[in-house]
Amino acid sequence: MPTEPTRRRDARRVTVVPEGPILVEGPVDMVLEDGTRVCSDRFLVAVCGCKRSKRYPLCDTSHRKRVRLDD
């Protein structure tokens, strides 16, 4: 019978959302390609996976398709 893997105390859970952000249990300390650090003390951090965010590396939901509703 398969068992759930034992979770290390210092491990963070990362959830990849299809067509959406990468959710990381916080707090997080990210280091970008240019050496810039982005820190967040939130309990859940949405990291942009599509690079469309104006707040990159944090997600601002720019990945969502905009749908115009006609009245």
Protein backbone atom coordinates (compact mmCIF):
# COMPACT_ATOMS: atom_id res chain seq x y z
CA MET A 1 0.00 0.00 0.00
CA PRO A 2 1.56 3.38 -1.00
CA THR A 3 2.18 5.80 1.80
CA GLU A 4 2.39 9.57 1.70
CA PRO A 5 5.99 10.78 1.71
CA THR A 6 7.28 12.05 5.02
CA ARG A 7 7.47 15.82 4.94
CA ARG A 8 10.63 17.41 6.27
CA ARG A 9 10.04 20.10 8.83
CA ASP A 10 11.84 22.78 6.79
CA ALA A 11 10.42 21.72 3.40
CA ARG A 12 8.03 24.03 1.56
CA ARG A 13 5.06 22.74 -0.38
CA VAL A 14 5.01 23.94 -4.01
CA THR A 15 1.88 23.54 -6.14
CA VAL A 16 2.01 24.14 -9.87
CA VAL A 17 -1.38 25.39 -11.09
CA PRO A 18 -2.07 24.52 -14.75
CA GLU A 19 -2.40 27.77 -16.76
CA GLY A 20 -1.72 29.68 -13.55
CA PRO A 21 0.85 30.57 -10.91
CA ILE A 22 3.19 28.43 -8.86
CA LEU A 23 1.95 28.46 -5.27
CA VAL A 24 4.62 28.27 -2.57
CA GLU A 25 3.92 27.95 1.13
CA GLY A 26 5.56 30.98 2.70
CA PRO A 27 7.48 32.69 3.93
CA VAL A 28 9.80 32.75 0.91
CA ASP A 29 13.08 34.38 -0.04
CA MET A 30 13.64 34.30 -3.81
CA VAL A 31 16.83 35.22 -5.64
CA LEU A 32 16.31 36.34 -9.26
CA GLU A 33 18.67 35.86 -12.19
CA ASP A 34 20.19 39.31 -11.68
CA GLY A 35 20.79 38.68 -7.96
CA THR A 36 17.80 40.74 -6.79
CA ARG A 37 16.10 39.26 -3.73
CA VAL A 38 12.34 39.22 -3.30
CA CYS A 39 11.03 38.28 0.14
CA SER A 40 7.48 37.62 1.26
CA ASP A 41 6.26 36.66 4.71
CA ARG A 42 2.79 35.66 3.49
CA PHE A 43 1.59 32.14 4.31
CA LEU A 44 1.01 31.41 0.58
CA VAL A 45 2.93 33.13 -2.23
CA ALA A 46 1.88 33.05 -5.90
CA VAL A 47 4.96 33.04 -8.11
CA CYS A 48 4.45 34.00 -11.77
CA GLY A 49 5.14 31.17 -14.21
CA CYS A 50 4.29 33.00 -17.45
CA LYS A 51 6.43 36.16 -16.96
CA ARG A 52 3.47 38.39 -17.92
CA SER A 53 3.11 39.82 -14.43
CA LYS A 54 3.86 43.49 -13.88
CA ARG A 55 4.94 42.44 -10.36
CA TYR A 56 7.23 39.61 -11.56
CA PRO A 57 8.29 37.30 -9.94
CA LEU A 58 5.02 37.61 -8.00
CA CYS A 59 1.80 36.77 -9.83
CA ASP A 60 -0.73 39.53 -10.54
CA THR A 61 -3.12 37.24 -12.50
CA SER A 62 -1.98 38.62 -15.88
CA HIS A 63 -2.07 35.02 -17.15
CA ARG A 64 -5.87 35.06 -17.09
CA LYS A 65 -7.57 35.60 -20.42
CA ARG A 66 -9.66 38.73 -20.50
CA VAL A 67 -13.20 38.18 -21.68
CA ARG A 68 -15.35 41.13 -22.67
CA LEU A 69 -19.03 40.72 -21.92
CA ASP A 70 -21.37 42.53 -24.29
CA ASP A 71 -24.52 43.99 -22.74
